[in-house]
Amino acid sequence: LFFGAADMLADPFRRQYLRYLGRNPAQLRRFLDDTDNRRGKR
């Protein structure tokens, strides 16, 4: 999803993806790692 980053990192899409990923804590941590620390795996 690199070419959708501008949407994924901005509301309302960011909120939607965080809610979606919240059902899977491991994926949520990877997402947050990627956006904040540039270490995401998905």
PDB file of all heavy atoms in Angstrom:
ATOM      1  N   LEU A   1       0.802  -1.233   0.000  1.00  0.00           N
ATOM      2  CA  LEU A   1       0.000   0.000   0.000  1.00  0.00           C
ATOM      3  C   LEU A   1       0.833   1.281   0.000  1.00  0.00           C
ATOM      4  O   LEU A   1       0.326   2.334   0.410  1.00  0.00           O
ATOM      5  CB  LEU A   1      -0.974   0.014   1.190  1.00  0.00           C
ATOM      6  CG  LEU A   1      -2.241  -0.835   1.034  1.00  0.00           C
ATOM      7  CD1 LEU A   1      -3.058  -0.780   2.307  1.00  0.00           C
ATOM      8  CD2 LEU A   1      -3.072  -0.366  -0.145  1.00  0.00           C
ATOM      9  N   PHE A   2       2.063   1.220  -0.460  1.00  0.00           N
ATOM     10  CA  PHE A   2       2.901   2.410  -0.425  1.00  0.00           C
ATOM     11  C   PHE A   2       2.276   3.587  -1.167  1.00  0.00           C
ATOM     12  O   PHE A   2       2.305   4.739  -0.708  1.00  0.00           O
ATOM     13  CB  PHE A   2       4.288   2.113  -1.016  1.00  0.00           C
ATOM     14  CG  PHE A   2       5.105   3.347  -1.226  1.00  0.00           C
ATOM     15  CD1 PHE A   2       5.728   3.968  -0.149  1.00  0.00           C
ATOM     16  CD2 PHE A   2       5.229   3.926  -2.495  1.00  0.00           C
ATOM     17  CE1 PHE A   2       6.458   5.144  -0.325  1.00  0.00           C
ATOM     18  CE2 PHE A   2       5.960   5.089  -2.675  1.00  0.00           C
ATOM     19  CZ  PHE A   2       6.582   5.696  -1.587  1.00  0.00           C
ATOM     20  N   PHE A   3       1.697   3.329  -2.341  1.00  0.00           N
ATOM     21  CA  PHE A   3       1.172   4.421  -3.142  1.00  0.00           C
ATOM     22  C   PHE A   3      -0.179   4.935  -2.634  1.00  0.00           C
ATOM     23  O   PHE A   3      -0.746   5.860  -3.225  1.00  0.00           O
ATOM     24  CB  PHE A   3       1.094   4.015  -4.619  1.00  0.00           C
ATOM     25  CG  PHE A   3       2.459   3.884  -5.242  1.00  0.00           C
ATOM     26  CD1 PHE A   3       3.028   2.636  -5.460  1.00  0.00           C
ATOM     27  CD2 PHE A   3       3.192   5.009  -5.574  1.00  0.00           C
ATOM     28  CE1 PHE A   3       4.290   2.520  -6.019  1.00  0.00           C
ATOM     29  CE2 PHE A   3       4.464   4.903  -6.135  1.00  0.00           C
ATOM     30  CZ  PHE A   3       5.012   3.658  -6.360  1.00  0.00           C
ATOM     31  N   GLY A   4      -0.657   4.372  -1.553  1.00  0.00           N
ATOM     32  CA  GLY A   4      -1.825   4.913  -0.866  1.00  0.00           C
ATOM     33  C   GLY A   4      -1.463   5.541   0.459  1.00  0.00           C
ATOM     34  O   GLY A   4      -2.343   5.867   1.263  1.00  0.00           O
ATOM     35  N   ALA A   5      -0.162   5.749   0.704  1.00  0.00           N
ATOM     36  CA  ALA A   5       0.301   6.231   2.009  1.00  0.00           C
ATOM     37  C   ALA A   5      -0.302   7.579   2.373  1.00  0.00           C
ATOM     38  O   ALA A   5      -0.651   7.825   3.530  1.00  0.00           O
ATOM     39  CB  ALA A   5       1.827   6.308   2.033  1.00  0.00           C
ATOM     40  N   ALA A   6      -0.435   8.479   1.400  1.00  0.00           N
ATOM     41  CA  ALA A   6      -0.973   9.804   1.702  1.00  0.00           C
ATOM     42  C   ALA A   6      -2.379   9.705   2.290  1.00  0.00           C
ATOM     43  O   ALA A   6      -2.764  10.503   3.146  1.00  0.00           O
ATOM     44  CB  ALA A   6      -0.988  10.664   0.443  1.00  0.00           C
ATOM     45  N   ASP A   7      -3.149   8.732   1.830  1.00  0.00           N
ATOM     46  CA  ASP A   7      -4.496   8.535   2.376  1.00  0.00           C
ATOM     47  C   ASP A   7      -4.453   7.808   3.712  1.00  0.00           C
ATOM     48  O   ASP A   7      -5.153   8.179   4.658  1.00  0.00           O
ATOM     49  CB  ASP A   7      -5.350   7.726   1.390  1.00  0.00           C
ATOM     50  CG  ASP A   7      -5.600   8.477   0.098  1.00  0.00           C
ATOM     51  OD1 ASP A   7      -5.877   9.690   0.169  1.00  0.00           O
ATOM     52  OD2 ASP A   7      -5.510   7.865  -0.970  1.00  0.00           O
ATOM     53  N   MET A   8      -3.630   6.765   3.778  1.00  0.00           N
ATOM     54  CA  MET A   8      -3.616   5.947   4.992  1.00  0.00           C
ATOM     55  C   MET A   8      -3.108   6.712   6.203  1.00  0.00           C
ATOM     56  O   MET A   8      -3.477   6.409   7.336  1.00  0.00           O
ATOM     57  CB  MET A   8      -2.754   4.702   4.772  1.00  0.00           C
ATOM     58  CG  MET A   8      -3.366   3.703   3.819  1.00  0.00           C
ATOM     59  SD  MET A   8      -2.384   2.196   3.736  1.00  0.00           S
ATOM     60  CE  MET A   8      -2.572   1.577   5.394  1.00  0.00           C
ATOM     61  N   LEU A   9      -2.256   7.702   5.977  1.00  0.00           N
ATOM     62  CA  LEU A   9      -1.683   8.449   7.088  1.00  0.00           C
ATOM     63  C   LEU A   9      -2.492   9.699   7.428  1.00  0.00           C
ATOM     64  O   LEU A   9      -2.089  10.479   8.280  1.00  0.00           O
ATOM     65  CB  LEU A   9      -0.240   8.837   6.772  1.00  0.00           C
ATOM     66  CG  LEU A   9       0.724   7.660   6.586  1.00  0.00           C
ATOM     67  CD1 LEU A   9       2.099   8.145   6.171  1.00  0.00           C
ATOM     68  CD2 LEU A   9       0.815   6.840   7.855  1.00  0.00           C
ATOM     69  N   ALA A  10      -3.621   9.891   6.741  1.00  0.00           N
ATOM     70  CA  ALA A  10      -4.454  11.062   6.985  1.00  0.00           C
ATOM     71  C   ALA A  10      -5.874  10.617   7.322  1.00  0.00           C
ATOM     72  O   ALA A  10      -6.333   9.560   6.874  1.00  0.00           O
ATOM     73  CB  ALA A  10      -4.454  11.970   5.757  1.00  0.00           C
ATOM     74  N   ASP A  11      -6.565  11.411   8.096  1.00  0.00           N
ATOM     75  CA  ASP A  11      -7.971  11.132   8.382  1.00  0.00           C
ATOM     76  C   ASP A  11      -8.805  11.430   7.132  1.00  0.00           C
ATOM     77  O   ASP A  11      -8.442  12.296   6.335  1.00  0.00           O
ATOM     78  CB  ASP A  11      -8.437  12.018   9.548  1.00  0.00           C
ATOM     79  CG  ASP A  11      -7.843  11.559  10.873  1.00  0.00           C
ATOM     80  OD1 ASP A  11      -7.517  10.372  10.969  1.00  0.00           O
ATOM     81  OD2 ASP A  11      -7.720  12.385  11.778  1.00  0.00           O
ATOM     82  N   PRO A  12      -9.958  10.711   6.946  1.00  0.00           N
ATOM     83  CA  PRO A  12     -10.518   9.724   7.875  1.00  0.00           C
ATOM     84  C   PRO A  12      -9.949   8.316   7.701  1.00  0.00           C
ATOM     85  O   PRO A  12     -10.256   7.419   8.456  1.00  0.00           O
ATOM     86  CB  PRO A  12     -12.002   9.725   7.497  1.00  0.00           C
ATOM     87  CG  PRO A  12     -11.983   9.959   6.020  1.00  0.00           C
ATOM     88  CD  PRO A  12     -10.854  10.938   5.793  1.00  0.00           C
ATOM     89  N   PHE A  13      -9.091   8.131   6.684  1.00  0.00           N
ATOM     90  CA  PHE A  13      -8.611   6.789   6.396  1.00  0.00           C
ATOM     91  C   PHE A  13      -7.748   6.235   7.531  1.00  0.00           C
ATOM     92  O   PHE A  13      -7.822   5.056   7.846  1.00  0.00           O
ATOM     93  CB  PHE A  13      -7.834   6.782   5.076  1.00  0.00           C
ATOM     94  CG  PHE A  13      -8.658   7.246   3.915  1.00  0.00           C
ATOM     95  CD1 PHE A  13      -8.515   8.526   3.415  1.00  0.00           C
ATOM     96  CD2 PHE A  13      -9.603   6.419   3.348  1.00  0.00           C
ATOM     97  CE1 PHE A  13      -9.283   8.969   2.352  1.00  0.00           C
ATOM     98  CE2 PHE A  13     -10.380   6.846   2.288  1.00  0.00           C
ATOM     99  CZ  PHE A  13     -10.226   8.121   1.789  1.00  0.00           C
ATOM    100  N   ARG A  14      -6.936   7.067   8.131  1.00  0.00           N
ATOM    101  CA  ARG A  14      -6.092   6.595   9.224  1.00  0.00           C
ATOM    102  C   ARG A  14      -6.939   6.022  10.354  1.00  0.00           C
ATOM    103  O   ARG A  14      -6.647   4.955  10.888  1.00  0.00           O
ATOM    104  CB  ARG A  14      -5.192   7.721   9.739  1.00  0.00           C
ATOM    105  CG  ARG A  14      -4.276   7.275  10.890  1.00  0.00           C
ATOM    106  CD  ARG A  14      -3.378   8.414  11.353  1.00  0.00           C
ATOM    107  NE  ARG A  14      -2.615   8.036  12.534  1.00  0.00           N
ATOM    108  CZ  ARG A  14      -1.455   7.393  12.505  1.00  0.00           C
ATOM    109  NH1 ARG A  14      -0.929   7.042  11.352  1.00  0.00           N
ATOM    110  NH2 ARG A  14      -0.819   7.082  13.613  1.00  0.00           N
ATOM    111  N   ARG A  15      -8.004   6.726  10.705  1.00  0.00           N
ATOM    112  CA  ARG A  15      -8.875   6.228  11.775  1.00  0.00           C
ATOM    113  C   ARG A  15      -9.506   4.895  11.390  1.00  0.00           C
ATOM    114  O   ARG A  15      -9.618   3.982  12.207  1.00  0.00           O
ATOM    115  CB  ARG A  15      -9.966   7.258  12.083  1.00  0.00           C
ATOM    116  CG  ARG A  15      -9.451   8.559  12.675  1.00  0.00           C
ATOM    117  CD  ARG A  15     -10.573   9.347  13.331  1.00  0.00           C
ATOM    118  NE  ARG A  15     -11.671   9.616  12.419  1.00  0.00           N
ATOM    119  CZ  ARG A  15     -11.745  10.690  11.640  1.00  0.00           C
ATOM    120  NH1 ARG A  15     -10.762  11.582  11.641  1.00  0.00           N
ATOM    121  NH2 ARG A  15     -12.783  10.880  10.854  1.00  0.00           N
ATOM    122  N   GLN A  16      -9.911   4.777  10.125  1.00  0.00           N
ATOM    123  CA  GLN A  16     -10.543   3.537   9.674  1.00  0.00           C
ATOM    124  C   GLN A  16      -9.565   2.367   9.747  1.00  0.00           C
ATOM    125  O   GLN A  16      -9.915   1.277  10.218  1.00  0.00           O
ATOM    126  CB  GLN A  16     -11.057   3.706   8.251  1.00  0.00           C
ATOM    127  CG  GLN A  16     -12.209   4.683   8.126  1.00  0.00           C
ATOM    128  CD  GLN A  16     -12.344   5.212   6.722  1.00  0.00           C
ATOM    129  OE1 GLN A  16     -11.718   4.690   5.801  1.00  0.00           O
ATOM    130  NE2 GLN A  16     -13.140   6.247   6.547  1.00  0.00           N
ATOM    131  N   TYR A  17      -8.336   2.594   9.290  1.00  0.00           N
ATOM    132  CA  TYR A  17      -7.362   1.508   9.304  1.00  0.00           C
ATOM    133  C   TYR A  17      -6.949   1.145  10.725  1.00  0.00           C
ATOM    134  O   TYR A  17      -6.725  -0.030  11.030  1.00  0.00           O
ATOM    135  CB  TYR A  17      -6.137   1.868   8.456  1.00  0.00           C
ATOM    136  CG  TYR A  17      -6.326   1.495   7.008  1.00  0.00           C
ATOM    137  CD1 TYR A  17      -6.810   2.429   6.109  1.00  0.00           C
ATOM    138  CD2 TYR A  17      -6.079   0.207   6.554  1.00  0.00           C
ATOM    139  CE1 TYR A  17      -7.012   2.087   4.775  1.00  0.00           C
ATOM    140  CE2 TYR A  17      -6.284  -0.140   5.237  1.00  0.00           C
ATOM    141  CZ  TYR A  17      -6.752   0.805   4.348  1.00  0.00           C
ATOM    142  OH  TYR A  17      -6.969   0.470   3.043  1.00  0.00           O
ATOM    143  N   LEU A  18      -6.863   2.129  11.596  1.00  0.00           N
ATOM    144  CA  LEU A  18      -6.528   1.812  12.983  1.00  0.00           C
ATOM    145  C   LEU A  18      -7.632   0.980  13.620  1.00  0.00           C
ATOM    146  O   LEU A  18      -7.365   0.043  14.375  1.00  0.00           O
ATOM    147  CB  LEU A  18      -6.287   3.098  13.779  1.00  0.00           C
ATOM    148  CG  LEU A  18      -4.990   3.854  13.450  1.00  0.00           C
ATOM    149  CD1 LEU A  18      -4.926   5.161  14.238  1.00  0.00           C
ATOM    150  CD2 LEU A  18      -3.776   3.005  13.762  1.00  0.00           C
ATOM    151  N   ARG A  19      -8.894   1.308  13.309  1.00  0.00           N
ATOM    152  CA  ARG A  19      -9.992   0.504  13.855  1.00  0.00           C
ATOM    153  C   ARG A  19      -9.962  -0.908  13.280  1.00  0.00           C
ATOM    154  O   ARG A  19     -10.160  -1.901  13.984  1.00  0.00           O
ATOM    155  CB  ARG A  19     -11.332   1.183  13.552  1.00  0.00           C
ATOM    156  CG  ARG A  19     -11.668   2.344  14.466  1.00  0.00           C
ATOM    157  CD  ARG A  19     -13.130   2.718  14.352  1.00  0.00           C
ATOM    158  NE  ARG A  19     -13.449   3.246  13.040  1.00  0.00           N
ATOM    159  CZ  ARG A  19     -13.521   4.541  12.736  1.00  0.00           C
ATOM    160  NH1 ARG A  19     -13.268   5.435  13.676  1.00  0.00           N
ATOM    161  NH2 ARG A  19     -13.835   4.934  11.527  1.00  0.00           N
ATOM    162  N   TYR A  20      -9.720  -0.986  11.960  1.00  0.00           N
ATOM    163  CA  TYR A  20      -9.662  -2.296  11.317  1.00  0.00           C
ATOM    164  C   TYR A  20      -8.532  -3.143  11.891  1.00  0.00           C
ATOM    165  O   TYR A  20      -8.715  -4.317  12.241  1.00  0.00           O
ATOM    166  CB  TYR A  20      -9.470  -2.101   9.814  1.00  0.00           C
ATOM    167  CG  TYR A  20      -9.169  -3.371   9.051  1.00  0.00           C
ATOM    168  CD1 TYR A  20     -10.173  -4.287   8.775  1.00  0.00           C
ATOM    169  CD2 TYR A  20      -7.889  -3.656   8.613  1.00  0.00           C
ATOM    170  CE1 TYR A  20      -9.902  -5.456   8.085  1.00  0.00           C
ATOM    171  CE2 TYR A  20      -7.603  -4.818   7.916  1.00  0.00           C
ATOM    172  CZ  TYR A  20      -8.618  -5.701   7.656  1.00  0.00           C
ATOM    173  OH  TYR A  20      -8.338  -6.861   6.974  1.00  0.00           O
ATOM    174  N   LEU A  21      -7.364  -2.552  12.011  1.00  0.00           N
ATOM    175  CA  LEU A  21      -6.210  -3.287  12.510  1.00  0.00           C
ATOM    176  C   LEU A  21      -6.307  -3.551  14.004  1.00  0.00           C
ATOM    177  O   LEU A  21      -5.642  -4.442  14.528  1.00  0.00           O
ATOM    178  CB  LEU A  21      -4.924  -2.516  12.200  1.00  0.00           C
ATOM    179  CG  LEU A  21      -4.573  -2.394  10.718  1.00  0.00           C
ATOM    180  CD1 LEU A  21      -3.404  -1.457  10.530  1.00  0.00           C
ATOM    181  CD2 LEU A  21      -4.264  -3.750  10.120  1.00  0.00           C
ATOM    182  N   GLY A  22      -7.155  -2.778  14.691  1.00  0.00           N
ATOM    183  CA  GLY A  22      -7.310  -2.983  16.131  1.00  0.00           C
ATOM    184  C   GLY A  22      -7.833  -4.359  16.485  1.00  0.00           C
ATOM    185  O   GLY A  22      -7.659  -4.829  17.615  1.00  0.00           O
ATOM    186  N   ARG A  23      -8.470  -5.014  15.512  1.00  0.00           N
ATOM    187  CA  ARG A  23      -8.944  -6.370  15.773  1.00  0.00           C
ATOM    188  C   ARG A  23      -7.799  -7.371  15.808  1.00  0.00           C
ATOM    189  O   ARG A  23      -7.969  -8.517  16.192  1.00  0.00           O
ATOM    190  CB  ARG A  23      -9.975  -6.768  14.712  1.00  0.00           C
ATOM    191  CG  ARG A  23     -11.257  -5.956  14.771  1.00  0.00           C
ATOM    192  CD  ARG A  23     -12.350  -6.604  13.957  1.00  0.00           C
ATOM    193  NE  ARG A  23     -12.039  -6.615  12.537  1.00  0.00           N
ATOM    194  CZ  ARG A  23     -12.417  -5.664  11.690  1.00  0.00           C
ATOM    195  NH1 ARG A  23     -13.095  -4.633  12.120  1.00  0.00           N
ATOM    196  NH2 ARG A  23     -12.130  -5.748  10.408  1.00  0.00           N
ATOM    197  N   ASN A  24      -6.637  -6.946  15.322  1.00  0.00           N
ATOM    198  CA  ASN A  24      -5.464  -7.814  15.331  1.00  0.00           C
ATOM    199  C   ASN A  24      -4.313  -7.012  15.936  1.00  0.00           C
ATOM    200  O   ASN A  24      -3.633  -6.274  15.226  1.00  0.00           O
ATOM    201  CB  ASN A  24      -5.111  -8.253  13.901  1.00  0.00           C
ATOM    202  CG  ASN A  24      -3.961  -9.237  13.875  1.00  0.00           C
ATOM    203  OD1 ASN A  24      -3.086  -9.196  14.745  1.00  0.00           O
ATOM    204  ND2 ASN A  24      -3.932 -10.106  12.884  1.00  0.00           N
ATOM    205  N   PRO A  25      -4.086  -7.122  17.231  1.00  0.00           N
ATOM    206  CA  PRO A  25      -3.064  -6.287  17.885  1.00  0.00           C
ATOM    207  C   PRO A  25      -1.689  -6.390  17.256  1.00  0.00           C
ATOM    208  O   PRO A  25      -0.965  -5.398  17.184  1.00  0.00           O
ATOM    209  CB  PRO A  25      -3.060  -6.822  19.321  1.00  0.00           C
ATOM    210  CG  PRO A  25      -4.416  -7.432  19.501  1.00  0.00           C
ATOM    211  CD  PRO A  25      -4.779  -8.002  18.161  1.00  0.00           C
ATOM    212  N   ALA A  26      -1.316  -7.565  16.749  1.00  0.00           N
ATOM    213  CA  ALA A  26       0.017  -7.704  16.150  1.00  0.00           C
ATOM    214  C   ALA A  26       0.122  -6.843  14.896  1.00  0.00           C
ATOM    215  O   ALA A  26       1.125  -6.159  14.679  1.00  0.00           O
ATOM    216  CB  ALA A  26       0.297  -9.167  15.830  1.00  0.00           C
ATOM    217  N   GLN A  27      -0.919  -6.870  14.061  1.00  0.00           N
ATOM    218  CA  GLN A  27      -0.896  -6.042  12.862  1.00  0.00           C
ATOM    219  C   GLN A  27      -0.937  -4.568  13.220  1.00  0.00           C
ATOM    220  O   GLN A  27      -0.305  -3.739  12.569  1.00  0.00           O
ATOM    221  CB  GLN A  27      -2.076  -6.394  11.955  1.00  0.00           C
ATOM    222  CG  GLN A  27      -1.886  -7.695  11.193  1.00  0.00           C
ATOM    223  CD  GLN A  27      -2.926  -7.866  10.104  1.00  0.00           C
ATOM    224  OE1 GLN A  27      -3.626  -6.929   9.741  1.00  0.00           O
ATOM    225  NE2 GLN A  27      -3.041  -9.067   9.583  1.00  0.00           N
ATOM    226  N   LEU A  28      -1.703  -4.225  14.256  1.00  0.00           N
ATOM    227  CA  LEU A  28      -1.762  -2.837  14.687  1.00  0.00           C
ATOM    228  C   LEU A  28      -0.384  -2.338  15.111  1.00  0.00           C
ATOM    229  O   LEU A  28       0.029  -1.237  14.748  1.00  0.00           O
ATOM    230  CB  LEU A  28      -2.762  -2.682  15.833  1.00  0.00           C
ATOM    231  CG  LEU A  28      -2.890  -1.281  16.439  1.00  0.00           C
ATOM    232  CD1 LEU A  28      -3.293  -0.273  15.379  1.00  0.00           C
ATOM    233  CD2 LEU A  28      -3.881  -1.288  17.589  1.00  0.00           C
ATOM    234  N   ARG A  29       0.350  -3.162  15.860  1.00  0.00           N
ATOM    235  CA  ARG A  29       1.687  -2.749  16.291  1.00  0.00           C
ATOM    236  C   ARG A  29       2.595  -2.547  15.083  1.00  0.00           C
ATOM    237  O   ARG A  29       3.386  -1.605  15.031  1.00  0.00           O
ATOM    238  CB  ARG A  29       2.282  -3.790  17.252  1.00  0.00           C
ATOM    239  CG  ARG A  29       1.690  -3.740  18.659  1.00  0.00           C
ATOM    240  CD  ARG A  29       2.536  -4.557  19.614  1.00  0.00           C
ATOM    241  NE  ARG A  29       2.590  -5.963  19.250  1.00  0.00           N
ATOM    242  CZ  ARG A  29       1.686  -6.862  19.641  1.00  0.00           C
ATOM    243  NH1 ARG A  29       0.658  -6.485  20.384  1.00  0.00           N
ATOM    244  NH2 ARG A  29       1.808  -8.126  19.301  1.00  0.00           N
ATOM    245  N   ARG A  30       2.482  -3.451  14.083  1.00  0.00           N
ATOM    246  CA  ARG A  30       3.307  -3.302  12.884  1.00  0.00           C
ATOM    247  C   ARG A  30       2.964  -2.021  12.135  1.00  0.00           C
ATOM    248  O   ARG A  30       3.832  -1.329  11.637  1.00  0.00           O
ATOM    249  CB  ARG A  30       3.147  -4.526  11.972  1.00  0.00           C
ATOM    250  CG  ARG A  30       3.862  -5.774  12.495  1.00  0.00           C
ATOM    251  CD  ARG A  30       4.008  -6.820  11.408  1.00  0.00           C
ATOM    252  NE  ARG A  30       2.730  -7.369  10.999  1.00  0.00           N
ATOM    253  CZ  ARG A  30       2.178  -8.447  11.553  1.00  0.00           C
ATOM    254  NH1 ARG A  30       2.798  -9.081  12.544  1.00  0.00           N
ATOM    255  NH2 ARG A  30       1.026  -8.900  11.129  1.00  0.00           N
ATOM    256  N   PHE A  31       1.675  -1.729  12.066  1.00  0.00           N
ATOM    257  CA  PHE A  31       1.250  -0.514  11.392  1.00  0.00           C
ATOM    258  C   PHE A  31       1.801   0.719  12.101  1.00  0.00           C
ATOM    259  O   PHE A  31       2.358   1.619  11.477  1.00  0.00           O
ATOM    260  CB  PHE A  31      -0.275  -0.442  11.350  1.00  0.00           C
ATOM    261  CG  PHE A  31      -0.806   0.823  10.728  1.00  0.00           C
ATOM    262  CD1 PHE A  31      -0.926   0.928   9.349  1.00  0.00           C
ATOM    263  CD2 PHE A  31      -1.185   1.892  11.507  1.00  0.00           C
ATOM    264  CE1 PHE A  31      -1.409   2.090   8.766  1.00  0.00           C
ATOM    265  CE2 PHE A  31      -1.671   3.052  10.946  1.00  0.00           C
ATOM    266  CZ  PHE A  31      -1.788   3.156   9.571  1.00  0.00           C
ATOM    267  N   LEU A  32       1.675   0.748  13.404  1.00  0.00           N
ATOM    268  CA  LEU A  32       2.162   1.892  14.165  1.00  0.00           C
ATOM    269  C   LEU A  32       3.677   1.990  14.074  1.00  0.00           C
ATOM    270  O   LEU A  32       4.237   3.085  13.969  1.00  0.00           O
ATOM    271  CB  LEU A  32       1.715   1.789  15.616  1.00  0.00           C
ATOM    272  CG  LEU A  32       0.193   1.958  15.837  1.00  0.00           C
ATOM    273  CD1 LEU A  32      -0.154   1.674  17.275  1.00  0.00           C
ATOM    274  CD2 LEU A  32      -0.247   3.355  15.446  1.00  0.00           C
ATOM    275  N   ASP A  33       4.352   0.859  14.091  1.00  0.00           N
ATOM    276  CA  ASP A  33       5.804   0.873  13.936  1.00  0.00           C
ATOM    277  C   ASP A  33       6.185   1.474  12.584  1.00  0.00           C
ATOM    278  O   ASP A  33       7.131   2.255  12.471  1.00  0.00           O
ATOM    279  CB  ASP A  33       6.377  -0.543  14.041  1.00  0.00           C
ATOM    280  CG  ASP A  33       6.441  -1.034  15.480  1.00  0.00           C
ATOM    281  OD1 ASP A  33       6.296  -0.193  16.384  1.00  0.00           O
ATOM    282  OD2 ASP A  33       6.625  -2.241  15.675  1.00  0.00           O
ATOM    283  N   ASP A  34       5.447   1.104  11.549  1.00  0.00           N
ATOM    284  CA  ASP A  34       5.770   1.574  10.215  1.00  0.00           C
ATOM    285  C   ASP A  34       5.566   3.084  10.112  1.00  0.00           C
ATOM    286  O   ASP A  34       6.410   3.794   9.597  1.00  0.00           O
ATOM    287  CB  ASP A  34       4.889   0.857   9.196  1.00  0.00           C
ATOM    288  CG  ASP A  34       5.408   1.029   7.773  1.00  0.00           C
ATOM    289  OD1 ASP A  34       6.526   1.517   7.607  1.00  0.00           O
ATOM    290  OD2 ASP A  34       4.679   0.675   6.844  1.00  0.00           O
ATOM    291  N   THR A  35       4.430   3.581  10.603  1.00  0.00           N
ATOM    292  CA  THR A  35       4.153   4.996  10.445  1.00  0.00           C
ATOM    293  C   THR A  35       5.023   5.849  11.358  1.00  0.00           C
ATOM    294  O   THR A  35       5.384   6.972  11.011  1.00  0.00           O
ATOM    295  CB  THR A  35       2.678   5.301  10.735  1.00  0.00           C
ATOM    296  OG1 THR A  35       2.368   4.857  12.064  1.00  0.00           O
ATOM    297  CG2 THR A  35       1.765   4.595   9.756  1.00  0.00           C
ATOM    298  N   ASP A  36       5.372   5.330  12.522  1.00  0.00           N
ATOM    299  CA  ASP A  36       6.115   6.143  13.481  1.00  0.00           C
ATOM    300  C   ASP A  36       7.623   5.899  13.434  1.00  0.00           C
ATOM    301  O   ASP A  36       8.417   6.815  13.625  1.00  0.00           O
ATOM    302  CB  ASP A  36       5.626   5.868  14.912  1.00  0.00           C
ATOM    303  CG  ASP A  36       4.183   6.303  15.093  1.00  0.00           C
ATOM    304  OD1 ASP A  36       3.740   7.174  14.327  1.00  0.00           O
ATOM    305  OD2 ASP A  36       3.501   5.773  15.979  1.00  0.00           O
ATOM    306  N   ASN A  37       8.015   4.645  13.192  1.00  0.00           N
ATOM    307  CA  ASN A  37       9.436   4.296  13.303  1.00  0.00           C
ATOM    308  C   ASN A  37      10.021   3.690  12.028  1.00  0.00           C
ATOM    309  O   ASN A  37      11.155   3.251  12.022  1.00  0.00           O
ATOM    310  CB  ASN A  37       9.627   3.299  14.460  1.00  0.00           C
ATOM    311  CG  ASN A  37       9.148   3.876  15.769  1.00  0.00           C
ATOM    312  OD1 ASN A  37       9.420   5.024  16.069  1.00  0.00           O
ATOM    313  ND2 ASN A  37       8.428   3.081  16.544  1.00  0.00           N
ATOM    314  N   ARG A  38       9.217   3.616  10.991  1.00  0.00           N
ATOM    315  CA  ARG A  38       9.679   3.114   9.700  1.00  0.00           C
ATOM    316  C   ARG A  38      10.191   1.680   9.787  1.00  0.00           C
ATOM    317  O   ARG A  38      11.182   1.330   9.171  1.00  0.00           O
ATOM    318  CB  ARG A  38      10.767   4.045   9.133  1.00  0.00           C
ATOM    319  CG  ARG A  38      10.317   5.488   9.054  1.00  0.00           C
ATOM    320  CD  ARG A  38      11.376   6.404   8.529  1.00  0.00           C
ATOM    321  NE  ARG A  38      11.656   6.133   7.111  1.00  0.00           N
ATOM    322  CZ  ARG A  38      12.340   6.959   6.342  1.00  0.00           C
ATOM    323  NH1 ARG A  38      12.788   8.079   6.822  1.00  0.00           N
ATOM    324  NH2 ARG A  38      12.572   6.670   5.097  1.00  0.00           N
ATOM    325  N   ARG A  39       9.463   0.836  10.528  1.00  0.00           N
ATOM    326  CA  ARG A  39       9.905  -0.555  10.639  1.00  0.00           C
ATOM    327  C   ARG A  39       8.770  -1.526  10.329  1.00  0.00           C
ATOM    328  O   ARG A  39       8.807  -2.665  10.739  1.00  0.00           O
ATOM    329  CB  ARG A  39      10.424  -0.834  12.061  1.00  0.00           C
ATOM    330  CG  ARG A  39      11.702  -0.127  12.430  1.00  0.00           C
ATOM    331  CD  ARG A  39      12.333  -0.773  13.651  1.00  0.00           C
ATOM    332  NE  ARG A  39      11.393  -0.906  14.753  1.00  0.00           N
ATOM    333  CZ  ARG A  39      11.211   0.020  15.695  1.00  0.00           C
ATOM    334  NH1 ARG A  39      11.893   1.148  15.649  1.00  0.00           N
ATOM    335  NH2 ARG A  39      10.350  -0.170  16.670  1.00  0.00           N
ATOM    336  N   GLY A  40       7.736  -1.093   9.636  1.00  0.00           N
ATOM    337  CA  GLY A  40       6.575  -1.956   9.424  1.00  0.00           C
ATOM    338  C   GLY A  40       6.899  -3.168   8.580  1.00  0.00           C
ATOM    339  O   GLY A  40       7.819  -3.162   7.784  1.00  0.00           O
ATOM    340  N   LYS A  41       6.131  -4.217   8.743  1.00  0.00           N
ATOM    341  CA  LYS A  41       6.380  -5.447   8.002  1.00  0.00           C
ATOM    342  C   LYS A  41       5.266  -5.780   7.015  1.00  0.00           C
ATOM    343  O   LYS A  41       5.451  -6.618   6.159  1.00  0.00           O
ATOM    344  CB  LYS A  41       6.580  -6.606   8.984  1.00  0.00           C
ATOM    345  CG  LYS A  41       7.839  -6.461   9.819  1.00  0.00           C
ATOM    346  CD  LYS A  41       8.128  -7.709  10.622  1.00  0.00           C
ATOM    347  CE  LYS A  41       9.421  -7.578  11.401  1.00  0.00           C
ATOM    348  NZ  LYS A  41       9.709  -8.758  12.224  1.00  0.00           N
ATOM    349  N   ARG A  42       4.094  -5.142   7.153  1.00  0.00           N
ATOM    350  CA  ARG A  42       3.044  -5.388   6.181  1.00  0.00           C
ATOM    351  C   ARG A  42       2.805  -4.128   5.362  1.00  0.00           C
ATOM    352  O   ARG A  42       3.046  -4.095   4.177  1.00  0.00           O
ATOM    353  CB  ARG A  42       1.757  -5.813   6.871  1.00  0.00           C
ATOM    354  CG  ARG A  42       0.610  -5.917   5.874  1.00  0.00           C
ATOM    355  CD  ARG A  42      -0.587  -6.621   6.399  1.00  0.00           C
ATOM    356  NE  ARG A  42      -1.635  -6.628   5.388  1.00  0.00           N
ATOM    357  CZ  ARG A  42      -2.766  -7.267   5.524  1.00  0.00           C
ATOM    358  NH1 ARG A  42      -3.013  -7.948   6.613  1.00  0.00           N
ATOM    359  NH2 ARG A  42      -3.680  -7.231   4.586  1.00  0.00           N
TER     360      ARG A  42
END
